[in-house]
PDB file of N, CA and C in Angstrom:
ATOM      1  N   UNK A   1     109.965  67.049  92.931  1.00  0.00           N
ATOM      2  CA  UNK A   1     110.539  67.331  94.215  1.00  0.00           C
ATOM      3  C   UNK A   1     111.236  68.689  94.151  1.00  0.00           C
ATOM      4  N   UNK A   2     111.069  69.481  95.179  1.00  0.00           N
ATOM      5  CA  UNK A   2     111.681  70.798  95.251  1.00  0.00           C
ATOM      6  C   UNK A   2     112.696  70.830  96.383  1.00  0.00           C
ATOM      7  N   UNK A   3     113.881  71.359  96.088  1.00  0.00           N
ATOM      8  CA  UNK A   3     114.920  71.493  97.103  1.00  0.00           C
ATOM      9  C   UNK A   3     114.602  72.691  97.988  1.00  0.00           C
ATOM     10  N   UNK A   4     114.826  72.522  99.292  1.00  0.00           N
ATOM     11  CA  UNK A   4     114.600  73.613 100.233  1.00  0.00           C
ATOM     12  C   UNK A   4     115.832  73.924 101.069  1.00  0.00           C
ATOM     13  N   UNK A   5     116.763  72.970 101.119  1.00  0.00           N
ATOM     14  CA  UNK A   5     117.945  73.131 101.955  1.00  0.00           C
ATOM     15  C   UNK A   5     119.185  72.761 101.143  1.00  0.00           C
ATOM     16  N   UNK A   6     120.251  73.533 101.343  1.00  0.00           N
ATOM     17  CA  UNK A   6     121.510  73.303 100.643  1.00  0.00           C
ATOM     18  C   UNK A   6     122.607  73.134 101.692  1.00  0.00           C
ATOM     19  N   UNK A   7     123.463  72.148 101.518  1.00  0.00           N
ATOM     20  CA  UNK A   7     124.628  71.962 102.372  1.00  0.00           C
ATOM     21  C   UNK A   7     125.876  72.338 101.602  1.00  0.00           C
ATOM     22  N   UNK A   8     126.729  73.142 102.209  1.00  0.00           N
ATOM     23  CA  UNK A   8     127.981  73.568 101.579  1.00  0.00           C
ATOM     24  C   UNK A   8     129.126  73.089 102.462  1.00  0.00           C
ATOM     25  N   UNK A   9     130.052  72.340 101.863  1.00  0.00           N
ATOM     26  CA  UNK A   9     131.210  71.841 102.602  1.00  0.00           C
ATOM     27  C   UNK A   9     132.395  72.723 102.251  1.00  0.00           C
ATOM     28  N   UNK A  10     132.915  73.401 103.250  1.00  0.00           N
ATOM     29  CA  UNK A  10     134.037  74.317 103.075  1.00  0.00           C
ATOM     30  C   UNK A  10     133.553  75.753 103.159  1.00  0.00           C
ATOM     31  N   UNK A  11     134.045  76.490 104.150  1.00  0.00           N
ATOM     32  CA  UNK A  11     133.596  77.864 104.380  1.00  0.00           C
ATOM     33  C   UNK A  11     134.614  78.891 103.880  1.00  0.00           C
ATOM     34  N   UNK A  12     135.504  78.456 102.991  1.00  0.00           N
ATOM     35  CA  UNK A  12     136.490  79.377 102.430  1.00  0.00           C
ATOM     36  C   UNK A  12     135.845  80.337 101.441  1.00  0.00           C
ATOM     37  N   UNK A  13     136.648  80.951 100.618  1.00  0.00           N
ATOM     38  CA  UNK A  13     136.159  81.974  99.692  1.00  0.00           C
ATOM     39  C   UNK A  13     135.055  81.440  98.777  1.00  0.00           C
ATOM     40  N   UNK A  14     135.271  80.301  98.182  1.00  0.00           N
ATOM     41  CA  UNK A  14     134.269  79.742  97.273  1.00  0.00           C
ATOM     42  C   UNK A  14     133.042  79.238  98.029  1.00  0.00           C
ATOM     43  N   UNK A  15     133.264  78.517  99.124  1.00  0.00           N
ATOM     44  CA  UNK A  15     132.152  77.965  99.893  1.00  0.00           C
ATOM     45  C   UNK A  15     131.247  79.024 100.480  1.00  0.00           C
ATOM     46  N   UNK A  16     131.840  80.094 101.055  1.00  0.00           N
ATOM     47  CA  UNK A  16     130.965  81.113 101.632  1.00  0.00           C
ATOM     48  C   UNK A  16     130.257  81.905 100.546  1.00  0.00           C
ATOM     49  N   UNK A  17     130.855  82.001  99.357  1.00  0.00           N
ATOM     50  CA  UNK A  17     130.172  82.650  98.230  1.00  0.00           C
ATOM     51  C   UNK A  17     128.963  81.847  97.778  1.00  0.00           C
ATOM     52  N   UNK A  18     129.138  80.533  97.686  1.00  0.00           N
ATOM     53  CA  UNK A  18     128.026  79.657  97.307  1.00  0.00           C
ATOM     54  C   UNK A  18     126.923  79.712  98.363  1.00  0.00           C
ATOM     55  N   UNK A  19     127.302  79.658  99.632  1.00  0.00           N
ATOM     56  CA  UNK A  19     126.318  79.732 100.712  1.00  0.00           C
ATOM     57  C   UNK A  19     125.561  81.053 100.670  1.00  0.00           C
ATOM     58  N   UNK A  20     126.269  82.140 100.412  1.00  0.00           N
ATOM     59  CA  UNK A  20     125.669  83.472 100.341  1.00  0.00           C
ATOM     60  C   UNK A  20     124.627  83.541  99.224  1.00  0.00           C
ATOM     61  N   UNK A  21     124.995  83.092  98.041  1.00  0.00           N
ATOM     62  CA  UNK A  21     124.078  83.136  96.895  1.00  0.00           C
ATOM     63  C   UNK A  21     122.856  82.260  97.138  1.00  0.00           C
ATOM     64  N   UNK A  22     123.063  81.085  97.719  1.00  0.00           N
ATOM     65  CA  UNK A  22     121.931  80.197  97.999  1.00  0.00           C
ATOM     66  C   UNK A  22     120.989  80.811  99.031  1.00  0.00           C
ATOM     67  N   UNK A  23     121.559  81.440 100.061  1.00  0.00           N
ATOM     68  CA  UNK A  23     120.724  82.092 101.075  1.00  0.00           C
ATOM     69  C   UNK A  23     119.921  83.241 100.460  1.00  0.00           C
ATOM     70  N   UNK A  24     120.560  84.011  99.593  1.00  0.00           N
ATOM     71  CA  UNK A  24     119.844  85.101  98.926  1.00  0.00           C
ATOM     72  C   UNK A  24     118.702  84.585  98.054  1.00  0.00           C
ATOM     73  N   UNK A  25     118.870  83.377  97.525  1.00  0.00           N
ATOM     74  CA  UNK A  25     117.837  82.777  96.672  1.00  0.00           C
ATOM     75  C   UNK A  25     116.704  82.162  97.501  1.00  0.00           C
ATOM     76  N   UNK A  26     116.838  82.189  98.836  1.00  0.00           N
ATOM     77  CA  UNK A  26     115.761  81.719  99.685  1.00  0.00           C
ATOM     78  C   UNK A  26     115.926  80.314 100.236  1.00  0.00           C
ATOM     79  N   UNK A  27     117.061  79.689  99.989  1.00  0.00           N
ATOM     80  CA  UNK A  27     117.293  78.350 100.505  1.00  0.00           C
ATOM     81  C   UNK A  27     117.798  78.404 101.946  1.00  0.00           C
ATOM     82  N   UNK A  28     117.458  77.392 102.717  1.00  0.00           N
ATOM     83  CA  UNK A  28     118.060  77.202 104.030  1.00  0.00           C
ATOM     84  C   UNK A  28     119.438  76.607 103.764  1.00  0.00           C
ATOM     85  N   UNK A  29     120.470  77.151 104.400  1.00  0.00           N
ATOM     86  CA  UNK A  29     121.842  76.740 104.095  1.00  0.00           C
ATOM     87  C   UNK A  29     122.532  76.210 105.351  1.00  0.00           C
ATOM     88  N   UNK A  30     123.186  75.060 105.208  1.00  0.00           N
ATOM     89  CA  UNK A  30     124.033  74.504 106.266  1.00  0.00           C
ATOM     90  C   UNK A  30     125.474  74.603 105.766  1.00  0.00           C
ATOM     91  N   UNK A  31     126.311  75.288 106.526  1.00  0.00           N
ATOM     92  CA  UNK A  31     127.712  75.517 106.142  1.00  0.00           C
ATOM     93  C   UNK A  31     128.608  74.680 107.056  1.00  0.00           C
ATOM     94  N   UNK A  32     129.432  73.825 106.457  1.00  0.00           N
ATOM     95  CA  UNK A  32     130.311  72.927 107.208  1.00  0.00           C
ATOM     96  C   UNK A  32     131.764  73.207 106.859  1.00  0.00           C
ATOM     97  N   UNK A  33     132.647  73.048 107.847  1.00  0.00           N
ATOM     98  CA  UNK A  33     134.089  73.135 107.619  1.00  0.00           C
ATOM     99  C   UNK A  33     134.798  72.344 108.701  1.00  0.00           C
ATOM    100  N   UNK A  34     136.097  72.251 108.583  1.00  0.00           N
ATOM    101  CA  UNK A  34     136.897  71.431 109.491  1.00  0.00           C
ATOM    102  C   UNK A  34     136.962  71.996 110.911  1.00  0.00           C
ATOM    103  N   UNK A  35     136.826  73.304 111.042  1.00  0.00           N
ATOM    104  CA  UNK A  35     136.910  73.901 112.379  1.00  0.00           C
ATOM    105  C   UNK A  35     135.871  75.006 112.542  1.00  0.00           C
ATOM    106  N   UNK A  36     135.528  75.250 113.774  1.00  0.00           N
ATOM    107  CA  UNK A  36     134.557  76.310 114.106  1.00  0.00           C
ATOM    108  C   UNK A  36     135.083  77.676 113.670  1.00  0.00           C
ATOM    109  N   UNK A  37     136.393  77.901 113.798  1.00  0.00           N
ATOM    110  CA  UNK A  37     136.981  79.195 113.426  1.00  0.00           C
ATOM    111  C   UNK A  37     136.797  79.493 111.941  1.00  0.00           C
ATOM    112  N   UNK A  38     136.933  78.473 111.111  1.00  0.00           N
ATOM    113  CA  UNK A  38     136.751  78.670 109.662  1.00  0.00           C
ATOM    114  C   UNK A  38     135.297  79.005 109.334  1.00  0.00           C
ATOM    115  N   UNK A  39     134.379  78.349 110.025  1.00  0.00           N
ATOM    116  CA  UNK A  39     132.959  78.644 109.814  1.00  0.00           C
ATOM    117  C   UNK A  39     132.651  80.076 110.248  1.00  0.00           C
ATOM    118  N   UNK A  40     133.165  80.466 111.400  1.00  0.00           N
ATOM    119  CA  UNK A  40     132.928  81.823 111.890  1.00  0.00           C
ATOM    120  C   UNK A  40     133.529  82.863 110.944  1.00  0.00           C
ATOM    121  N   UNK A  41     134.712  82.586 110.398  1.00  0.00           N
ATOM    122  CA  UNK A  41     135.326  83.508 109.441  1.00  0.00           C
ATOM    123  C   UNK A  41     134.485  83.588 108.165  1.00  0.00           C
ATOM    124  N   UNK A  42     133.978  82.454 107.701  1.00  0.00           N
ATOM    125  CA  UNK A  42     133.119  82.439 106.513  1.00  0.00           C
ATOM    126  C   UNK A  42     131.833  83.214 106.738  1.00  0.00           C
ATOM    127  N   UNK A  43     131.226  83.030 107.910  1.00  0.00           N
ATOM    128  CA  UNK A  43     129.999  83.765 108.230  1.00  0.00           C
ATOM    129  C   UNK A  43     130.265  85.267 108.352  1.00  0.00           C
ATOM    130  N   UNK A  44     131.434  85.628 108.879  1.00  0.00           N
ATOM    131  CA  UNK A  44     131.786  87.049 108.976  1.00  0.00           C
ATOM    132  C   UNK A  44     131.928  87.655 107.587  1.00  0.00           C
ATOM    133  N   UNK A  45     132.500  86.915 106.664  1.00  0.00           N
ATOM    134  CA  UNK A  45     132.616  87.394 105.285  1.00  0.00           C
ATOM    135  C   UNK A  45     131.239  87.574 104.656  1.00  0.00           C
ATOM    136  N   UNK A  46     130.363  86.602 104.872  1.00  0.00           N
ATOM    137  CA  UNK A  46     129.000  86.697 104.339  1.00  0.00           C
ATOM    138  C   UNK A  46     128.292  87.909 104.943  1.00  0.00           C
ATOM    139  N   UNK A  47     128.422  88.114 106.247  1.00  0.00           N
ATOM    140  CA  UNK A  47     127.809  89.279 106.908  1.00  0.00           C
ATOM    141  C   UNK A  47     128.319  90.580 106.301  1.00  0.00           C
ATOM    142  N   UNK A  48     129.624  90.654 106.065  1.00  0.00           N
ATOM    143  CA  UNK A  48     130.195  91.848 105.448  1.00  0.00           C
ATOM    144  C   UNK A  48     129.658  92.089 104.055  1.00  0.00           C
ATOM    145  N   UNK A  49     129.513  91.010 103.287  1.00  0.00           N
ATOM    146  CA  UNK A  49     128.970  91.137 101.930  1.00  0.00           C
ATOM    147  C   UNK A  49     127.506  91.562 101.963  1.00  0.00           C
ATOM    148  N   UNK A  50     126.754  91.055 102.938  1.00  0.00           N
ATOM    149  CA  UNK A  50     125.341  91.416 103.049  1.00  0.00           C
ATOM    150  C   UNK A  50     125.187  92.893 103.433  1.00  0.00           C
ATOM    151  N   UNK A  51     126.137  93.412 104.201  1.00  0.00           N
ATOM    152  CA  UNK A  51     126.064  94.814 104.640  1.00  0.00           C
ATOM    153  C   UNK A  51     126.270  95.779 103.483  1.00  0.00           C
ATOM    154  N   UNK A  52     126.954  95.296 102.423  1.00  0.00           N
ATOM    155  CA  UNK A  52     127.173  96.167 101.267  1.00  0.00           C
ATOM    156  C   UNK A  52     125.929  96.293 100.498  1.00  0.00           C
TER     157      UNK A  52
END
């Protein structure tokens, strides 16, 4: 069996880093957190890292 999707719980510093690395490796990533604002902040961090 091959994994194709990864779920990450927590969009803080560690969670968005894990999500970023998994996305770069080609996995579909679902990012979950307690609030929409935390998810948006995590995605903004990932976007900033991708721009570098």
